[in-house]
Protein backbone atom coordinates (compact mmCIF):
# COMPACT_ATOMS: atom_id res chain seq x y z
CA MET A 1 -29.51 -120.55 -53.22
CA SER A 2 -30.23 -120.12 -49.52
CA GLY A 3 -27.21 -121.79 -47.98
CA THR A 4 -27.16 -124.94 -50.09
CA ALA A 5 -24.19 -124.15 -52.28
CA TYR A 6 -22.55 -127.06 -54.09
CA ARG A 7 -19.40 -128.18 -52.31
CA SER A 8 -16.59 -129.49 -54.44
CA GLY A 9 -15.97 -133.14 -53.66
CA ALA A 10 -19.31 -133.62 -51.90
CA GLU A 11 -21.04 -136.89 -52.74
CA ARG A 12 -24.17 -136.34 -54.84
CA SER A 13 -27.33 -138.42 -54.96
CA TYR A 14 -28.50 -136.99 -58.30
CA PRO A 15 -28.54 -137.46 -61.25
CA LEU A 16 -29.59 -141.08 -61.03
CA PRO A 17 -28.40 -143.74 -63.46
CA HIS A 18 -31.00 -144.00 -66.20
CA ALA A 19 -31.49 -147.28 -68.00
CA GLY A 20 -34.98 -146.69 -69.35
CA PRO A 21 -38.48 -145.72 -68.29
CA ASP A 22 -38.95 -145.18 -64.55
CA ALA A 23 -42.39 -146.08 -63.19
CA ARG A 24 -41.92 -143.56 -60.35
CA LEU A 25 -41.99 -140.62 -62.78
CA THR A 26 -45.77 -140.39 -63.14
CA GLU A 27 -48.33 -137.74 -63.97
CA SER A 28 -49.19 -137.79 -60.26
CA LEU A 29 -45.59 -136.89 -59.34
CA VAL A 30 -45.62 -133.94 -61.76
CA THR A 31 -48.99 -132.83 -60.32
CA SER A 32 -47.63 -133.10 -56.76
CA VAL A 33 -44.53 -131.06 -57.58
CA ALA A 34 -46.71 -128.44 -59.28
CA ALA A 35 -48.90 -128.27 -56.15
CA VAL A 36 -45.85 -127.76 -53.92
CA LEU A 37 -44.69 -124.91 -56.17
CA VAL A 38 -48.14 -123.27 -55.95
CA GLY A 39 -47.97 -123.63 -52.17
CA TYR A 40 -44.76 -121.59 -52.22
CA GLY A 41 -46.41 -118.84 -54.24
CA TYR A 42 -45.47 -119.84 -57.79
CA PRO A 43 -48.23 -119.67 -60.42
CA ARG A 44 -50.33 -122.71 -61.30
CA LEU A 45 -49.47 -124.57 -64.49
CA GLY A 46 -51.38 -122.67 -67.16
CA SER A 47 -51.21 -125.07 -70.08
CA SER A 48 -50.10 -128.49 -71.24
CA ALA A 49 -46.88 -126.80 -72.41
CA ASP A 50 -46.21 -125.70 -68.79
CA ARG A 51 -46.81 -129.26 -67.60
CA ALA A 52 -44.48 -130.68 -70.26
CA ALA A 53 -41.79 -128.14 -69.30
CA LEU A 54 -42.07 -129.10 -65.61
CA GLU A 55 -41.82 -132.80 -66.47
CA SER A 56 -38.78 -132.09 -68.64
CA ALA A 57 -37.14 -130.13 -65.81
CA LEU A 58 -37.75 -133.05 -63.43
CA VAL A 59 -36.26 -135.53 -65.90
CA THR A 60 -33.21 -133.29 -66.34
CA PHE A 61 -32.73 -133.01 -62.56
CA LEU A 62 -33.36 -136.69 -61.86
CA TYR A 63 -31.45 -138.23 -64.76
CA ASN A 64 -29.63 -135.40 -66.58
CA PRO A 65 -30.02 -137.03 -70.02
CA GLN A 66 -27.62 -134.52 -71.57
CA GLU A 67 -24.71 -136.05 -69.60
CA ASN A 68 -25.63 -139.54 -70.82
CA HIS A 69 -24.91 -138.53 -74.42
CA ALA A 70 -21.55 -136.93 -73.72
């Protein structure tokens, strides 16, 4: 990961506390992230399943719902 290794003890900004729906996580945000990926040479989203997977990945990064159930 190009010089951004996780440092033990470093303060993290993510995942965010998650108390319910977040109005910032919109279809437009997912579309914008997809466009940035395409700009870096990744393929365009090919189906609604790709879009759902990208949204799920964003939710996991932003809120890490798996940790909330531990």
